N, C-alpha and C. Protein backbone atom coordinates (compact mmCIF):
# COMPACT_ATOMS: atom_id res chain seq x y z
N MET A 1 0.82 -1.19 0.00
CA MET A 1 0.00 0.00 0.00
C MET A 1 0.87 1.26 0.00
N VAL A 2 1.95 1.23 0.77
CA VAL A 2 2.85 2.39 0.84
C VAL A 2 3.47 2.64 -0.53
N ASP A 3 3.87 1.58 -1.22
CA ASP A 3 4.45 1.74 -2.56
C ASP A 3 3.46 2.40 -3.51
N ILE A 4 2.20 2.02 -3.41
CA ILE A 4 1.17 2.61 -4.25
C ILE A 4 1.01 4.10 -3.93
N CYS A 5 1.05 4.44 -2.65
CA CYS A 5 0.96 5.85 -2.25
C CYS A 5 2.14 6.65 -2.80
N PHE A 6 3.33 6.08 -2.73
CA PHE A 6 4.51 6.77 -3.26
C PHE A 6 4.39 6.94 -4.78
N PHE A 7 3.89 5.93 -5.47
CA PHE A 7 3.72 6.04 -6.92
C PHE A 7 2.70 7.13 -7.25
N ILE A 8 1.60 7.15 -6.52
CA ILE A 8 0.58 8.19 -6.74
C ILE A 8 1.18 9.56 -6.46
N ASP A 9 2.03 9.66 -5.43
CA ASP A 9 2.67 10.92 -5.11
C ASP A 9 3.56 11.40 -6.26
N ILE A 10 4.25 10.48 -6.92
CA ILE A 10 5.08 10.85 -8.06
C ILE A 10 4.22 11.45 -9.17
N VAL A 11 3.11 10.81 -9.47
CA VAL A 11 2.20 11.30 -10.51
C VAL A 11 1.62 12.66 -10.13
N VAL A 12 1.19 12.79 -8.88
CA VAL A 12 0.60 14.06 -8.43
C VAL A 12 1.64 15.17 -8.45
N THR A 13 2.86 14.87 -8.03
CA THR A 13 3.91 15.89 -7.98
C THR A 13 4.24 16.43 -9.37
N PHE A 14 4.17 15.58 -10.38
CA PHE A 14 4.40 16.04 -11.75
C PHE A 14 3.29 16.99 -12.22
N ASN A 15 2.16 16.99 -11.51
CA ASN A 15 1.01 17.79 -11.93
C ASN A 15 0.61 18.85 -10.91
N THR A 16 1.51 19.17 -9.98
CA THR A 16 1.19 20.12 -8.93
C THR A 16 2.07 21.35 -9.07
N ALA A 17 1.45 22.52 -9.00
CA ALA A 17 2.19 23.78 -9.08
C ALA A 17 3.23 23.84 -7.98
N VAL A 18 4.37 24.49 -8.30
CA VAL A 18 5.49 24.57 -7.37
C VAL A 18 5.71 26.03 -6.99
N PRO A 19 5.65 26.35 -5.67
CA PRO A 19 5.94 27.73 -5.28
C PRO A 19 7.44 28.00 -5.40
N VAL A 20 7.79 29.05 -6.13
CA VAL A 20 9.19 29.42 -6.33
C VAL A 20 9.58 30.50 -5.32
N SER A 21 8.66 31.39 -5.01
CA SER A 21 8.87 32.44 -4.03
C SER A 21 7.53 32.73 -3.37
N GLN A 22 7.51 33.79 -2.56
CA GLN A 22 6.25 34.15 -1.89
C GLN A 22 5.18 34.59 -2.90
N VAL A 23 5.62 35.06 -4.06
CA VAL A 23 4.69 35.61 -5.04
C VAL A 23 4.53 34.73 -6.27
N LYS A 24 5.60 34.05 -6.69
CA LYS A 24 5.60 33.32 -7.95
C LYS A 24 5.36 31.82 -7.73
N VAL A 25 4.51 31.25 -8.58
CA VAL A 25 4.22 29.81 -8.55
C VAL A 25 4.36 29.27 -9.97
N LEU A 26 5.13 28.18 -10.11
CA LEU A 26 5.27 27.54 -11.43
C LEU A 26 4.03 26.70 -11.70
N GLU A 27 3.40 26.95 -12.83
CA GLU A 27 2.23 26.18 -13.21
C GLU A 27 2.43 25.40 -14.50
N CYS A 28 3.47 25.72 -15.24
CA CYS A 28 3.78 25.04 -16.49
C CYS A 28 4.29 23.62 -16.18
N ARG A 29 3.65 22.62 -16.75
CA ARG A 29 4.03 21.23 -16.47
C ARG A 29 5.49 20.94 -16.78
N LYS A 30 6.00 21.55 -17.86
CA LYS A 30 7.38 21.34 -18.25
C LYS A 30 8.33 21.88 -17.17
N GLU A 31 8.03 23.05 -16.65
CA GLU A 31 8.86 23.66 -15.60
C GLU A 31 8.74 22.88 -14.29
N ILE A 32 7.52 22.44 -13.97
CA ILE A 32 7.31 21.63 -12.77
C ILE A 32 8.14 20.35 -12.87
N ALA A 33 8.11 19.71 -14.03
CA ALA A 33 8.88 18.48 -14.24
C ALA A 33 10.37 18.72 -14.09
N LYS A 34 10.87 19.84 -14.61
CA LYS A 34 12.30 20.16 -14.47
C LYS A 34 12.69 20.28 -13.01
N VAL A 35 11.88 21.00 -12.24
CA VAL A 35 12.17 21.19 -10.81
C VAL A 35 12.13 19.84 -10.09
N TYR A 36 11.09 19.05 -10.35
CA TYR A 36 10.94 17.76 -9.67
C TYR A 36 12.05 16.79 -10.06
N LEU A 37 12.39 16.75 -11.34
CA LEU A 37 13.46 15.85 -11.79
C LEU A 37 14.82 16.24 -11.22
N SER A 38 14.99 17.50 -10.91
CA SER A 38 16.28 17.94 -10.36
C SER A 38 16.35 17.77 -8.85
N LYS A 39 15.25 17.42 -8.21
CA LYS A 39 15.27 17.32 -6.74
C LYS A 39 14.85 15.94 -6.25
N TRP A 40 13.56 15.75 -5.99
CA TRP A 40 13.08 14.57 -5.29
C TRP A 40 12.76 13.36 -6.16
N PHE A 41 12.64 13.52 -7.46
CA PHE A 41 12.17 12.44 -8.31
C PHE A 41 12.97 11.15 -8.15
N TRP A 42 14.28 11.25 -8.20
CA TRP A 42 15.11 10.05 -8.16
C TRP A 42 15.03 9.35 -6.81
N ILE A 43 14.91 10.11 -5.75
CA ILE A 43 14.73 9.51 -4.43
C ILE A 43 13.37 8.82 -4.38
N ASP A 44 12.35 9.48 -4.91
CA ASP A 44 11.01 8.89 -4.93
C ASP A 44 11.00 7.57 -5.70
N VAL A 45 11.67 7.53 -6.83
CA VAL A 45 11.71 6.29 -7.62
C VAL A 45 12.43 5.19 -6.85
N LEU A 46 13.54 5.53 -6.23
CA LEU A 46 14.29 4.51 -5.46
C LEU A 46 13.47 3.92 -4.32
N VAL A 47 12.73 4.76 -3.61
CA VAL A 47 11.95 4.23 -2.48
C VAL A 47 10.65 3.57 -2.92
N THR A 48 10.21 3.81 -4.15
CA THR A 48 8.98 3.19 -4.63
C THR A 48 9.20 1.74 -5.06
N ILE A 49 10.41 1.42 -5.47
CA ILE A 49 10.71 0.04 -5.90
C ILE A 49 10.62 -0.89 -4.70
N PRO A 50 9.83 -1.95 -4.77
CA PRO A 50 9.67 -2.88 -3.63
C PRO A 50 10.85 -3.86 -3.53
N TYR A 51 11.99 -3.35 -3.08
CA TYR A 51 13.20 -4.18 -3.00
C TYR A 51 13.01 -5.41 -2.13
N ASP A 52 12.34 -5.23 -0.99
CA ASP A 52 12.17 -6.36 -0.09
C ASP A 52 11.39 -7.49 -0.76
N LEU A 53 10.37 -7.15 -1.53
CA LEU A 53 9.60 -8.16 -2.26
C LEU A 53 10.46 -8.83 -3.32
N LEU A 54 11.25 -8.05 -4.04
CA LEU A 54 12.12 -8.61 -5.07
C LEU A 54 13.15 -9.57 -4.47
N ILE A 55 13.69 -9.19 -3.32
CA ILE A 55 14.69 -10.06 -2.68
C ILE A 55 14.02 -11.34 -2.18
N LYS A 56 12.83 -11.22 -1.61
CA LYS A 56 12.13 -12.41 -1.11
C LYS A 56 11.76 -13.35 -2.26
N LEU A 57 11.43 -12.78 -3.42
CA LEU A 57 11.16 -13.63 -4.58
C LEU A 57 12.44 -14.33 -5.04
N TYR A 58 13.55 -13.61 -4.95
CA TYR A 58 14.84 -14.18 -5.36
C TYR A 58 15.33 -15.22 -4.35
N ASP A 59 15.17 -14.93 -3.06
CA ASP A 59 15.64 -15.84 -2.01
C ASP A 59 14.57 -15.96 -0.92
N PRO A 60 13.69 -16.96 -1.00
CA PRO A 60 12.58 -17.10 -0.04
C PRO A 60 13.02 -17.35 1.41
N SER A 61 14.29 -17.67 1.65
CA SER A 61 14.74 -17.93 3.02
C SER A 61 14.86 -16.65 3.84
N LEU A 62 14.78 -15.50 3.20
CA LEU A 62 14.86 -14.23 3.91
C LEU A 62 13.48 -13.86 4.42
N HIS A 63 13.21 -14.15 5.71
CA HIS A 63 11.88 -13.94 6.26
C HIS A 63 11.75 -12.65 7.07
N ASN A 64 12.83 -12.12 7.62
CA ASN A 64 12.70 -10.91 8.41
C ASN A 64 13.71 -9.86 7.98
N VAL A 65 13.51 -8.67 8.50
CA VAL A 65 14.32 -7.53 8.09
C VAL A 65 15.78 -7.71 8.46
N ALA A 66 16.07 -8.40 9.56
CA ALA A 66 17.46 -8.60 9.99
C ALA A 66 18.26 -9.38 8.95
N ASN A 67 17.61 -10.22 8.17
CA ASN A 67 18.31 -11.00 7.15
C ASN A 67 18.46 -10.27 5.81
N LEU A 68 17.77 -9.17 5.67
CA LEU A 68 17.86 -8.43 4.41
C LEU A 68 19.20 -7.70 4.32
N PRO A 69 19.72 -7.57 3.14
CA PRO A 69 20.98 -6.85 2.97
C PRO A 69 20.88 -5.39 3.46
N LYS A 70 22.02 -4.80 3.76
CA LYS A 70 22.06 -3.44 4.28
C LYS A 70 21.37 -2.44 3.35
N PHE A 71 21.54 -2.61 2.06
CA PHE A 71 20.94 -1.68 1.12
C PHE A 71 19.43 -1.60 1.30
N ILE A 72 18.80 -2.74 1.51
CA ILE A 72 17.35 -2.77 1.67
C ILE A 72 16.95 -2.06 2.96
N ARG A 73 17.71 -2.30 4.03
CA ARG A 73 17.40 -1.63 5.29
C ARG A 73 17.58 -0.12 5.15
N ILE A 74 18.60 0.31 4.43
CA ILE A 74 18.81 1.74 4.20
C ILE A 74 17.64 2.31 3.40
N MET A 75 17.19 1.57 2.40
CA MET A 75 16.06 2.04 1.59
C MET A 75 14.79 2.15 2.44
N LYS A 76 14.63 1.28 3.42
CA LYS A 76 13.47 1.38 4.31
C LYS A 76 13.54 2.66 5.14
N ILE A 77 14.74 3.03 5.56
CA ILE A 77 14.91 4.27 6.32
C ILE A 77 14.61 5.47 5.42
N VAL A 78 15.12 5.43 4.19
CA VAL A 78 14.85 6.51 3.24
C VAL A 78 13.35 6.59 2.97
N ARG A 79 12.70 5.47 2.88
CA ARG A 79 11.24 5.43 2.67
C ARG A 79 10.52 6.09 3.83
N LEU A 80 10.98 5.83 5.04
CA LEU A 80 10.37 6.45 6.22
C LEU A 80 10.56 7.97 6.18
N ILE A 81 11.76 8.41 5.81
CA ILE A 81 12.02 9.85 5.69
C ILE A 81 11.11 10.44 4.62
N ARG A 82 10.96 9.74 3.53
CA ARG A 82 10.09 10.21 2.44
C ARG A 82 8.64 10.30 2.90
N LEU A 83 8.21 9.34 3.71
CA LEU A 83 6.85 9.36 4.24
C LEU A 83 6.64 10.58 5.13
N ILE A 84 7.65 10.93 5.91
CA ILE A 84 7.58 12.13 6.74
C ILE A 84 7.46 13.36 5.85
N LYS A 85 8.20 13.38 4.74
CA LYS A 85 8.12 14.50 3.80
C LYS A 85 6.71 14.60 3.19
N LEU A 86 6.10 13.44 2.89
CA LEU A 86 4.75 13.44 2.33
C LEU A 86 3.76 14.08 3.30
N VAL A 87 3.91 13.78 4.58
CA VAL A 87 3.02 14.37 5.59
C VAL A 87 3.22 15.88 5.63
N LYS A 88 4.48 16.32 5.57
CA LYS A 88 4.78 17.76 5.57
C LYS A 88 4.19 18.43 4.33
N VAL A 89 4.32 17.80 3.18
CA VAL A 89 3.78 18.36 1.94
C VAL A 89 2.26 18.47 2.03
N ALA A 90 1.62 17.47 2.60
CA ALA A 90 0.16 17.50 2.74
C ALA A 90 -0.26 18.69 3.62
N LYS A 91 0.49 18.93 4.70
CA LYS A 91 0.18 20.07 5.56
C LYS A 91 0.40 21.38 4.81
N ASP A 92 1.50 21.46 4.03
CA ASP A 92 1.79 22.68 3.26
C ASP A 92 0.70 22.94 2.22
N ARG A 93 0.20 21.88 1.59
CA ARG A 93 -0.87 22.05 0.59
C ARG A 93 -2.14 22.57 1.24
N LYS A 94 -2.42 22.10 2.46
CA LYS A 94 -3.60 22.62 3.17
C LYS A 94 -3.44 24.10 3.47
N LYS A 95 -2.20 24.49 3.89
CA LYS A 95 -1.94 25.92 4.15
C LYS A 95 -2.08 26.73 2.88
N MET A 96 -1.55 26.22 1.76
CA MET A 96 -1.63 26.94 0.49
C MET A 96 -3.08 27.08 0.05
N ALA A 97 -3.87 26.04 0.24
CA ALA A 97 -5.29 26.10 -0.12
C ALA A 97 -6.02 27.11 0.74
N ALA A 98 -5.68 27.19 2.01
CA ALA A 98 -6.31 28.17 2.89
C ALA A 98 -5.95 29.59 2.47
N ILE A 99 -4.67 29.81 2.09
CA ILE A 99 -4.24 31.14 1.64
C ILE A 99 -4.97 31.52 0.36
N LEU A 100 -5.07 30.57 -0.59
CA LEU A 100 -5.79 30.85 -1.84
C LEU A 100 -7.26 31.14 -1.59
N ALA A 101 -7.85 30.38 -0.70
CA ALA A 101 -9.28 30.57 -0.40
C ALA A 101 -9.50 31.94 0.24
N SER A 102 -8.61 32.36 1.12
CA SER A 102 -8.79 33.67 1.78
C SER A 102 -8.55 34.82 0.81
N SER A 103 -7.68 34.60 -0.18
CA SER A 103 -7.41 35.68 -1.14
C SER A 103 -8.52 35.80 -2.19
N LEU A 104 -9.26 34.73 -2.39
CA LEU A 104 -10.35 34.78 -3.36
C LEU A 104 -11.56 35.42 -2.71
């Protein structure tokens, strides 16, 4: 389920305006894509790949996290950090929506 949420976040981020300053917001999809590709996109892709599932398919004897290679454990930590960022972004979007609503 988390992987699906991260994938949906990638799609939404490619289609969400990006605040550049207090006054300017990028709305052009091409410019949004440039900003996203230069920052979080590659991290998002790395944490969206279900490495633990791929490893378990490759070697079914790996039943718990302690047996998974270090890379997978590191990716789980990065995924957790990314999840925290998603929560922060959701809060920021609510603030932005409130500011837009009050200005209208």
